[in-house]
Protein backbone atom coordinates (compact mmCIF):
# COMPACT_ATOMS: atom_id res chain seq x y z
CA MET A 1 -7.49 19.49 -22.55
CA LEU A 2 -3.99 18.87 -21.00
CA SER A 3 -2.95 22.33 -19.94
CA GLU A 4 -6.64 22.52 -18.67
CA MET A 5 -5.75 19.31 -16.27
CA PHE A 6 -2.54 20.77 -14.87
CA SER A 7 -4.02 24.35 -14.17
CA GLU A 8 -6.44 22.84 -11.58
CA ALA A 9 -5.13 22.75 -8.19
CA PHE A 10 -6.90 19.57 -7.36
CA MET A 11 -5.22 17.61 -10.18
CA GLN A 12 -1.60 18.96 -9.49
CA ARG A 13 -2.03 17.74 -5.95
CA ALA A 14 -3.60 14.25 -7.31
CA LEU A 15 -0.55 13.87 -9.59
CA ILE A 16 2.15 14.81 -7.12
CA MET A 17 0.44 12.02 -4.83
CA ALA A 18 0.22 9.57 -7.61
CA LEU A 19 3.93 10.46 -8.34
CA LEU A 20 5.08 9.77 -4.81
CA MET A 21 3.03 7.00 -3.73
CA GLY A 22 2.75 4.83 -6.80
CA PRO A 23 6.36 4.36 -7.02
CA PHE A 24 7.06 4.35 -3.36
CA CYS A 25 4.20 1.61 -2.91
CA ALA A 26 5.51 -0.40 -5.64
CA LEU A 27 9.04 -0.27 -4.17
CA MET A 28 7.82 -1.78 -0.66
CA GLY A 29 5.63 -4.12 -2.67
CA VAL A 30 8.76 -5.87 -3.83
CA PHE A 31 9.63 -6.70 -0.30
CA VAL A 32 6.00 -7.22 0.87
CA THR A 33 5.60 -10.11 -1.63
CA ALA A 34 9.29 -11.65 -1.23
CA ARG A 35 8.43 -11.70 2.67
CA LYS A 36 4.92 -12.81 2.09
CA LEU A 37 3.39 -10.05 3.94
CA SER A 38 0.53 -9.48 1.39
CA PHE A 39 -2.17 -10.64 3.86
CA PHE A 40 -0.90 -8.66 6.56
CA SER A 41 -1.03 -5.42 4.29
CA GLU A 42 -4.53 -6.52 3.87
CA THR A 43 -5.24 -6.78 7.34
CA LEU A 44 -3.66 -3.58 8.06
CA ALA A 45 -5.86 -1.87 5.19
CA HIS A 46 -9.24 -3.25 6.49
CA SER A 47 -8.82 -2.56 10.07
CA SER A 48 -7.97 1.02 9.21
CA LEU A 49 -11.62 1.27 8.78
CA THR A 50 -12.16 1.10 12.72
CA GLY A 51 -9.69 3.82 12.88
CA VAL A 52 -11.72 6.07 10.47
CA ALA A 53 -14.65 5.52 12.31
CA LEU A 54 -13.04 6.28 15.78
CA GLY A 55 -11.88 9.49 14.33
CA PHE A 56 -15.40 10.51 13.07
CA TRP A 57 -16.83 9.24 16.50
CA TRP A 58 -14.48 11.68 18.11
CA GLY A 59 -15.37 14.43 15.94
CA LEU A 60 -12.24 14.85 13.68
CA SER A 61 -12.84 16.32 10.66
CA ASP A 62 -9.77 14.43 9.23
CA PRO A 63 -9.43 10.88 10.85
CA THR A 64 -5.88 10.15 9.33
CA LEU A 65 -4.03 10.19 12.73
CA THR A 66 -6.80 7.72 14.32
CA GLN A 67 -6.38 5.46 11.40
CA ILE A 68 -2.73 5.37 11.48
CA LEU A 69 -2.88 4.76 15.56
CA PHE A 70 -5.17 2.01 15.10
CA SER A 71 -3.40 0.22 12.09
CA LEU A 72 -0.38 0.40 14.40
CA VAL A 73 -2.29 -1.18 17.33
CA ILE A 74 -3.20 -3.76 15.01
CA ALA A 75 0.39 -4.53 13.39
CA PHE A 76 1.69 -4.63 16.72
CA GLY A 77 -0.93 -6.74 17.90
CA VAL A 78 -0.11 -9.18 15.40
CA ILE A 79 3.49 -9.59 16.53
CA TRP A 80 2.56 -9.63 19.88
CA LEU A 81 0.29 -12.48 19.25
CA LYS A 82 2.80 -14.49 17.08
CA GLU A 83 5.43 -14.23 19.69
CA ASN A 84 3.17 -15.25 22.65
CA THR A 85 0.93 -17.60 21.44
CA LYS A 86 0.70 -20.73 19.50
CA LEU A 87 -1.49 -19.74 16.69
CA LEU A 88 -0.45 -19.29 13.03
CA THR A 89 0.26 -16.01 11.57
CA ASP A 90 -2.65 -16.11 8.95
CA THR A 91 -4.82 -17.06 11.95
CA ILE A 92 -3.93 -14.30 13.83
CA MET A 93 -4.40 -11.97 10.97
CA ALA A 94 -7.86 -13.36 10.19
CA VAL A 95 -9.15 -12.88 13.85
CA LEU A 96 -7.82 -9.27 13.94
CA LEU A 97 -9.31 -8.64 10.43
CA SER A 98 -12.73 -9.64 11.14
CA GLY A 99 -12.81 -8.19 14.52
CA SER A 100 -11.46 -4.86 13.64
CA VAL A 101 -13.93 -4.62 10.59
CA ALA A 102 -16.95 -5.56 12.54
CA VAL A 103 -16.00 -2.98 15.32
CA GLY A 104 -15.63 -0.40 12.52
CA VAL A 105 -19.05 -1.09 11.01
CA VAL A 106 -20.69 -1.08 14.46
CA ILE A 107 -19.24 2.44 15.42
CA LEU A 108 -20.10 3.70 11.83
CA SER A 109 -23.91 2.53 12.00
CA LEU A 110 -24.18 4.47 15.21
CA LEU A 111 -23.05 7.87 13.25
CA LYS A 112 -25.11 9.85 11.27
CA GLY A 113 -24.27 12.09 7.99
CA TYR A 114 -20.89 9.97 7.28
CA ARG A 115 -21.93 8.06 4.35
CA GLY A 116 -20.20 10.13 1.88
CA GLU A 117 -17.01 10.35 4.03
CA LEU A 118 -17.23 6.61 4.43
CA HIS A 119 -17.44 5.97 0.63
CA ARG A 120 -14.39 8.25 0.03
CA TYR A 121 -12.24 5.77 2.67
CA LEU A 122 -13.73 2.67 0.94
CA PHE A 123 -13.02 3.40 -2.48
CA GLY A 124 -10.50 6.39 -2.57
CA ASP A 125 -10.87 9.96 -3.63
CA ILE A 126 -7.31 11.01 -4.53
CA LEU A 127 -8.92 14.00 -5.97
CA ALA A 128 -9.88 15.19 -2.92
CA THR A 129 -6.23 15.24 -1.50
CA GLY A 130 -5.24 18.46 0.65
CA PRO A 131 -1.95 20.12 0.77
CA ALA A 132 -1.17 18.61 3.93
CA GLN A 133 -1.60 15.09 2.73
CA VAL A 134 0.55 15.56 -0.06
CA TRP A 135 3.32 16.77 2.11
CA PHE A 136 2.94 13.98 4.40
CA ALA A 137 3.03 11.55 1.64
CA ALA A 138 6.33 13.43 0.12
CA LEU A 139 7.90 12.85 4.06
CA ILE A 140 6.80 9.22 4.20
CA ALA A 141 8.08 8.32 0.46
CA GLY A 142 11.43 10.09 1.12
CA LEU A 143 12.11 8.79 4.50
CA GLY A 144 10.80 5.29 3.53
CA SER A 145 12.70 5.15 0.04
CA CYS A 146 15.98 6.14 1.78
CA PHE A 147 15.39 3.41 4.65
CA LEU A 148 14.60 0.78 2.04
CA LEU A 149 17.79 1.38 -0.06
CA PHE A 150 19.96 2.06 2.70
CA LYS A 151 19.03 -1.27 4.60
CA MET A 152 18.43 -3.20 1.28
CA ARG A 153 21.37 -5.42 1.65
CA SER A 154 20.04 -6.31 5.30
CA LEU A 155 16.49 -6.61 4.03
CA ILE A 156 17.52 -9.14 1.36
CA LEU A 157 19.27 -11.21 3.99
CA LEU A 158 16.30 -11.07 6.08
CA THR A 159 14.18 -12.11 3.50
CA LEU A 160 16.20 -15.05 2.22
CA ASN A 161 17.30 -16.56 5.57
CA ALA A 162 16.50 -14.88 8.98
CA GLY A 163 18.86 -17.18 11.07
CA LEU A 164 21.96 -16.19 8.62
CA ALA A 165 20.98 -12.70 8.88
CA GLN A 166 21.18 -12.82 12.70
CA VAL A 167 24.48 -14.25 12.61
CA SER A 168 25.72 -11.85 10.05
CA GLY A 169 25.00 -9.35 12.71
CA VAL A 170 21.53 -7.82 11.35
CA ARG A 171 19.66 -6.92 14.17
CA VAL A 172 16.43 -8.87 12.97
CA LYS A 173 14.06 -7.97 15.52
CA VAL A 174 14.68 -4.13 15.12
CA LEU A 175 14.44 -4.38 11.29
CA ASN A 176 11.48 -6.47 11.31
CA TYR A 177 9.48 -3.57 13.60
CA LEU A 178 10.83 -0.80 11.46
CA PHE A 179 9.62 -2.31 7.98
CA LEU A 180 6.36 -3.23 9.48
CA LEU A 181 6.02 0.33 11.05
CA LEU A 182 6.85 1.94 7.61
CA LEU A 183 4.56 -0.71 5.92
CA THR A 184 1.52 0.54 8.25
CA PHE A 185 2.23 4.24 7.47
CA THR A 186 2.25 3.35 3.74
CA VAL A 187 -1.07 1.28 3.79
CA ALA A 188 -2.79 4.13 6.15
CA LEU A 189 -1.63 6.86 3.85
CA SER A 190 -2.59 4.90 0.33
CA VAL A 191 -6.11 4.53 1.78
CA ARG A 192 -6.68 7.91 0.46
CA LEU A 193 -5.32 7.17 -2.90
CA LEU A 194 -7.13 3.83 -3.41
CA GLY A 195 -9.52 3.19 -0.54
CA ILE A 196 -9.53 0.44 1.65
CA ILE A 197 -10.78 -2.14 -0.26
CA LEU A 198 -8.35 -1.46 -3.10
CA VAL A 199 -4.94 -0.26 -1.18
CA THR A 200 -3.28 -3.69 -1.21
CA ALA A 201 -3.36 -3.58 -5.01
CA LEU A 202 -0.79 -1.04 -5.42
CA LEU A 203 1.49 -3.02 -2.97
CA ILE A 204 1.18 -6.27 -4.71
CA ILE A 205 0.41 -5.83 -8.60
CA PRO A 206 3.52 -3.64 -9.64
CA ALA A 207 5.85 -6.14 -7.64
CA ALA A 208 4.15 -9.27 -9.23
CA ALA A 209 3.98 -7.71 -12.78
CA ALA A 210 7.71 -7.03 -12.68
CA ARG A 211 8.74 -10.34 -11.29
CA ASN A 212 7.33 -11.81 -14.65
CA VAL A 213 9.67 -10.08 -16.65
CA THR A 214 12.81 -9.49 -14.78
CA THR A 215 15.65 -12.10 -13.55
CA ASN A 216 17.39 -10.26 -10.76
CA LEU A 217 16.44 -7.96 -7.64
CA ARG A 218 17.88 -4.76 -9.01
CA ARG A 219 15.59 -5.06 -12.36
CA HIS A 220 12.77 -6.04 -10.24
CA ILE A 221 12.99 -3.15 -8.24
CA VAL A 222 13.48 -0.57 -11.20
CA VAL A 223 10.47 -2.04 -13.29
CA SER A 224 8.25 -2.35 -10.38
CA VAL A 225 8.87 1.14 -9.47
CA LEU A 226 8.33 2.03 -13.00
CA MET A 227 4.98 0.30 -13.21
CA GLY A 228 3.71 1.83 -9.81
CA LEU A 229 4.40 5.32 -11.70
CA ILE A 230 2.73 4.33 -14.74
CA SER A 231 -0.38 2.90 -12.80
CA GLY A 232 -0.57 6.07 -10.56
CA VAL A 233 -0.55 8.73 -13.22
CA PHE A 234 -2.42 6.88 -16.02
CA GLY A 235 -5.15 6.36 -13.15
CA VAL A 236 -5.14 9.78 -12.27
CA MET A 237 -5.40 11.03 -15.75
CA GLY A 238 -7.84 8.72 -17.00
CA ALA A 239 -10.23 9.47 -13.96
CA TYR A 240 -10.10 13.19 -15.14
CA TYR A 241 -10.72 12.37 -18.97
CA PHE A 242 -13.15 9.90 -18.47
CA ASP A 243 -14.74 11.32 -15.50
CA LEU A 244 -14.65 7.49 -13.54
CA PRO A 245 -13.42 6.94 -10.06
CA CYS A 246 -9.73 7.22 -9.86
CA GLY A 247 -8.88 4.37 -7.31
CA PRO A 248 -10.34 1.62 -9.32
CA LEU A 249 -8.60 3.20 -12.62
CA ILE A 250 -5.19 3.18 -10.91
CA VAL A 251 -5.76 -0.60 -10.20
CA LEU A 252 -7.10 -1.59 -13.63
CA THR A 253 -4.05 0.14 -15.11
CA ALA A 254 -1.92 -2.27 -12.78
CA ILE A 255 -3.77 -5.23 -13.89
CA ALA A 256 -3.48 -4.47 -17.65
CA LEU A 257 0.43 -4.15 -16.99
CA PHE A 258 0.24 -7.43 -15.10
CA ILE A 259 -1.54 -8.95 -17.94
CA LEU A 260 1.15 -7.51 -20.35
CA SER A 261 3.80 -9.15 -18.06
CA VAL A 262 2.01 -12.86 -18.18
CA ALA A 263 2.00 -12.53 -21.85
CA PHE A 264 5.37 -11.34 -22.12
CA HIS A 265 6.49 -14.35 -19.65
CA SER A 266 4.53 -16.82 -21.92
CA ILE A 267 6.21 -15.54 -25.02
CA GLN A 268 9.71 -15.61 -23.71
CA LYS A 269 9.10 -19.24 -22.10
CA LEU A 270 7.84 -20.36 -25.62
CA CYS A 271 11.03 -18.94 -27.54
CA LYS A 272 13.18 -20.50 -25.13
CA GLN A 273 11.59 -23.90 -25.70
CA GLY A 274 11.51 -23.41 -29.35
C-alpha cells in the first residue's frame, strides 16, 4: 500500500508540497504568534476569496496570481490605514475582511460553473497540486526560510521592542514590510494546501503547541517546524489511506499534537509542584 501511494504522481506532488509548506508555515508561525499577527493572517486568507473570484471572472484557469495580488492589496491596505487613521488594527482588519469576503461572494454568485473550484479553494485540495505550484512552493519556502534565519536576530529584537530595534540600527519599517510580504505569499500559497477556511491553522497551531513544550526560542522553532512537518505528511497520508479530505486531516493532526502538548505541559507543571 505504501509503495502504491508513492508511485502515484499526484501523491508525490502532494507529499512534496506538505514537506515544503508544513515546516515553513510552522516556522513562520513562531513569528506570527509572537508578533500577534494571527488575525492578520486570517484576514489575508479570507480576503483571498475575492482574488480567486476575480481570477475566475477574468477567465483565468488558475487564479493564483489574482489571489496573491489581491491579498497584497489587503495587506498594504491594513498598513496604510493603520498609519493614516486613528482606527485600531483589529478594527481595520475586521472591516477589510468582511468587505473583501462580501465582494468575493457577490462576484462568485454572478459566475456559473465554478462551484467545484470554489469548494477546492475553500477547503483545500493538495492532491490536485500541479508541478508549477510545487516549484513555486519550493521557491517561497526556500527564500522565505533563508530570510527568516538570516534576519532572525533583527526579527526577535523587533518582536520584543520596536523602539529598541530602531535604536540598534534595524530598519524597522523595511523589515516589517518584507515580513508581511512573505506572510502574504505564504498564506496565499497555503490556500491550495488547506483552503481559505483552514489555512491559518498551519501557521498558528504547530507554533502554539511547540510553545507549550519548550523554554527558549531555538527549541521553539525546531519543535514547531517538526510539528508542521508531521501535520502535513500525516495529513496527506491519512487522506490517501482513509479517503478523507486532506486539508481537515492536516489540521486535525496539528490539533492532536496541540492536545498532547497541553497534556505534557500540565503533567510537567504538576511534577514541579509535587
